[in-house]
Amino acid sequence: MNTFIGFIVSYAAWPPAAAMFDMPYSHGQHFGIVLFFTVLSVVRGYVLRRWFNARLHKAVVALAGD
């Protein structure tokens, strides 16, 4: 649900952002840009979650003295 809401917010925010920077775009480009950054965000979240979980696991093992 978080990703879906982020996609909708980004999709709604792109036209005003493009207008502020005077960037012409088509609706296909609009959708593609928002989709690209949504996928990038999901991948970033996955990588960070795995990285922190691995560090947490190492810390727990070190604390347990194993």
N, C-alpha and C. Protein backbone atom coordinates (compact mmCIF):
# COMPACT_ATOMS: atom_id res chain seq x y z
N MET A 1 0.84 -1.19 0.00
CA MET A 1 0.00 0.00 0.00
C MET A 1 0.88 1.26 0.00
N ASN A 2 1.99 1.21 0.75
CA ASN A 2 2.89 2.35 0.80
C ASN A 2 3.45 2.68 -0.59
N THR A 3 3.84 1.65 -1.33
CA THR A 3 4.38 1.86 -2.67
C THR A 3 3.31 2.42 -3.60
N PHE A 4 2.10 1.90 -3.50
CA PHE A 4 1.01 2.39 -4.33
C PHE A 4 0.71 3.87 -4.05
N ILE A 5 0.66 4.23 -2.78
CA ILE A 5 0.41 5.62 -2.42
C ILE A 5 1.55 6.51 -2.89
N GLY A 6 2.78 6.04 -2.74
CA GLY A 6 3.92 6.80 -3.25
C GLY A 6 3.85 7.00 -4.75
N PHE A 7 3.42 5.97 -5.48
CA PHE A 7 3.27 6.09 -6.93
C PHE A 7 2.24 7.16 -7.28
N ILE A 8 1.10 7.12 -6.62
CA ILE A 8 0.03 8.10 -6.89
C ILE A 8 0.49 9.51 -6.55
N VAL A 9 1.14 9.69 -5.42
CA VAL A 9 1.63 11.02 -5.03
C VAL A 9 2.65 11.52 -6.06
N SER A 10 3.57 10.65 -6.47
CA SER A 10 4.58 11.05 -7.46
C SER A 10 3.93 11.37 -8.79
N TYR A 11 2.94 10.57 -9.17
CA TYR A 11 2.25 10.80 -10.44
C TYR A 11 1.54 12.15 -10.44
N ALA A 12 0.96 12.50 -9.28
CA ALA A 12 0.27 13.79 -9.17
C ALA A 12 1.25 14.95 -9.06
N ALA A 13 2.44 14.70 -8.48
CA ALA A 13 3.41 15.78 -8.26
C ALA A 13 4.24 16.10 -9.49
N TRP A 14 4.34 15.17 -10.43
CA TRP A 14 5.21 15.40 -11.59
C TRP A 14 4.77 16.58 -12.45
N PRO A 15 3.50 16.76 -12.83
CA PRO A 15 3.14 17.90 -13.67
C PRO A 15 3.51 19.27 -13.07
N PRO A 16 3.23 19.53 -11.79
CA PRO A 16 3.67 20.82 -11.25
C PRO A 16 5.19 20.95 -11.20
N ALA A 17 5.89 19.84 -10.89
CA ALA A 17 7.35 19.90 -10.85
C ALA A 17 7.91 20.18 -12.25
N ALA A 18 7.37 19.53 -13.25
CA ALA A 18 7.83 19.76 -14.62
C ALA A 18 7.54 21.20 -15.05
N ALA A 19 6.40 21.73 -14.64
CA ALA A 19 6.05 23.12 -14.98
C ALA A 19 7.00 24.10 -14.29
N MET A 20 7.37 23.82 -13.04
CA MET A 20 8.28 24.71 -12.31
C MET A 20 9.64 24.81 -13.01
N PHE A 21 10.07 23.70 -13.61
CA PHE A 21 11.38 23.69 -14.27
C PHE A 21 11.27 23.81 -15.78
N ASP A 22 10.06 24.13 -16.25
CA ASP A 22 9.80 24.35 -17.68
C ASP A 22 10.26 23.15 -18.51
N MET A 23 9.83 21.96 -18.10
CA MET A 23 10.20 20.73 -18.79
C MET A 23 9.00 20.17 -19.53
N PRO A 24 9.04 20.17 -20.85
CA PRO A 24 7.92 19.58 -21.59
C PRO A 24 7.97 18.04 -21.45
N TYR A 25 6.82 17.41 -21.48
CA TYR A 25 6.76 15.94 -21.36
C TYR A 25 5.46 15.45 -21.96
N SER A 26 5.47 14.19 -22.37
CA SER A 26 4.24 13.54 -22.83
C SER A 26 3.70 12.69 -21.69
N HIS A 27 2.48 12.21 -21.84
CA HIS A 27 1.91 11.38 -20.77
C HIS A 27 2.65 10.05 -20.65
N GLY A 28 3.15 9.52 -21.76
CA GLY A 28 3.96 8.30 -21.69
C GLY A 28 5.24 8.52 -20.93
N GLN A 29 5.89 9.66 -21.17
CA GLN A 29 7.11 9.99 -20.42
C GLN A 29 6.79 10.18 -18.94
N HIS A 30 5.69 10.83 -18.67
CA HIS A 30 5.24 11.07 -17.30
C HIS A 30 5.11 9.74 -16.56
N PHE A 31 4.37 8.81 -17.15
CA PHE A 31 4.18 7.50 -16.53
C PHE A 31 5.51 6.76 -16.39
N GLY A 32 6.34 6.81 -17.42
CA GLY A 32 7.62 6.12 -17.41
C GLY A 32 8.56 6.63 -16.33
N ILE A 33 8.61 7.94 -16.16
CA ILE A 33 9.48 8.54 -15.14
C ILE A 33 9.02 8.14 -13.74
N VAL A 34 7.73 8.22 -13.50
CA VAL A 34 7.19 7.86 -12.18
C VAL A 34 7.40 6.37 -11.92
N LEU A 35 7.18 5.54 -12.94
CA LEU A 35 7.40 4.10 -12.78
C LEU A 35 8.87 3.79 -12.50
N PHE A 36 9.77 4.45 -13.22
CA PHE A 36 11.21 4.26 -13.02
C PHE A 36 11.61 4.56 -11.58
N PHE A 37 11.17 5.70 -11.06
CA PHE A 37 11.54 6.07 -9.70
C PHE A 37 10.84 5.21 -8.65
N THR A 38 9.66 4.69 -8.96
CA THR A 38 8.98 3.78 -8.05
C THR A 38 9.75 2.47 -7.94
N VAL A 39 10.16 1.92 -9.08
CA VAL A 39 10.95 0.69 -9.07
C VAL A 39 12.27 0.92 -8.34
N LEU A 40 12.91 2.05 -8.61
CA LEU A 40 14.17 2.38 -7.94
C LEU A 40 13.96 2.45 -6.42
N SER A 41 12.87 3.01 -5.98
CA SER A 41 12.58 3.12 -4.56
C SER A 41 12.35 1.75 -3.93
N VAL A 42 11.64 0.87 -4.62
CA VAL A 42 11.39 -0.47 -4.10
C VAL A 42 12.71 -1.24 -3.97
N VAL A 43 13.56 -1.15 -4.99
CA VAL A 43 14.86 -1.83 -4.95
C VAL A 43 15.72 -1.26 -3.82
N ARG A 44 15.74 0.05 -3.68
CA ARG A 44 16.51 0.68 -2.61
C ARG A 44 16.04 0.20 -1.25
N GLY A 45 14.74 0.15 -1.03
CA GLY A 45 14.19 -0.31 0.23
C GLY A 45 14.56 -1.76 0.51
N TYR A 46 14.52 -2.61 -0.52
CA TYR A 46 14.88 -4.01 -0.35
C TYR A 46 16.35 -4.15 0.03
N VAL A 47 17.22 -3.47 -0.70
CA VAL A 47 18.66 -3.56 -0.43
C VAL A 47 18.99 -3.05 0.97
N LEU A 48 18.43 -1.93 1.36
CA LEU A 48 18.69 -1.41 2.71
C LEU A 48 18.18 -2.33 3.79
N ARG A 49 16.99 -2.89 3.57
CA ARG A 49 16.43 -3.82 4.56
C ARG A 49 17.34 -5.04 4.72
N ARG A 50 17.80 -5.61 3.63
CA ARG A 50 18.70 -6.78 3.69
C ARG A 50 20.01 -6.42 4.37
N TRP A 51 20.56 -5.25 4.04
CA TRP A 51 21.84 -4.82 4.60
C TRP A 51 21.73 -4.64 6.12
N PHE A 52 20.69 -3.93 6.58
CA PHE A 52 20.53 -3.72 8.01
C PHE A 52 20.21 -5.01 8.74
N ASN A 53 19.44 -5.89 8.13
CA ASN A 53 19.16 -7.18 8.77
C ASN A 53 20.42 -8.00 8.92
N ALA A 54 21.30 -7.99 7.92
CA ALA A 54 22.57 -8.71 8.01
C ALA A 54 23.44 -8.14 9.12
N ARG A 55 23.49 -6.82 9.22
CA ARG A 55 24.28 -6.19 10.30
C ARG A 55 23.71 -6.51 11.66
N LEU A 56 22.40 -6.49 11.77
CA LEU A 56 21.73 -6.82 13.03
C LEU A 56 22.02 -8.26 13.42
N HIS A 57 21.97 -9.16 12.46
CA HIS A 57 22.26 -10.57 12.72
C HIS A 57 23.69 -10.75 13.22
N LYS A 58 24.65 -10.07 12.57
CA LYS A 58 26.05 -10.14 13.01
C LYS A 58 26.21 -9.62 14.42
N ALA A 59 25.53 -8.53 14.75
CA ALA A 59 25.62 -7.94 16.09
C ALA A 59 25.04 -8.89 17.14
N VAL A 60 23.94 -9.55 16.82
CA VAL A 60 23.32 -10.48 17.77
C VAL A 60 24.23 -11.68 17.99
N VAL A 61 24.82 -12.20 16.91
CA VAL A 61 25.71 -13.35 17.03
C VAL A 61 26.94 -12.96 17.86
N ALA A 62 27.49 -11.76 17.61
CA ALA A 62 28.67 -11.31 18.37
C ALA A 62 28.30 -11.12 19.85
N LEU A 63 27.13 -10.59 20.11
CA LEU A 63 26.69 -10.35 21.48
C LEU A 63 26.47 -11.68 22.22
N ALA A 64 25.99 -12.67 21.50
CA ALA A 64 25.73 -13.98 22.11
C ALA A 64 27.03 -14.74 22.36
N GLY A 65 28.12 -14.26 21.75
CA GLY A 65 29.40 -14.90 21.99
C GLY A 65 29.59 -16.19 21.22
N ASP A 66 28.87 -16.33 20.15
CA ASP A 66 28.97 -17.56 19.36
C ASP A 66 30.15 -17.55 18.44
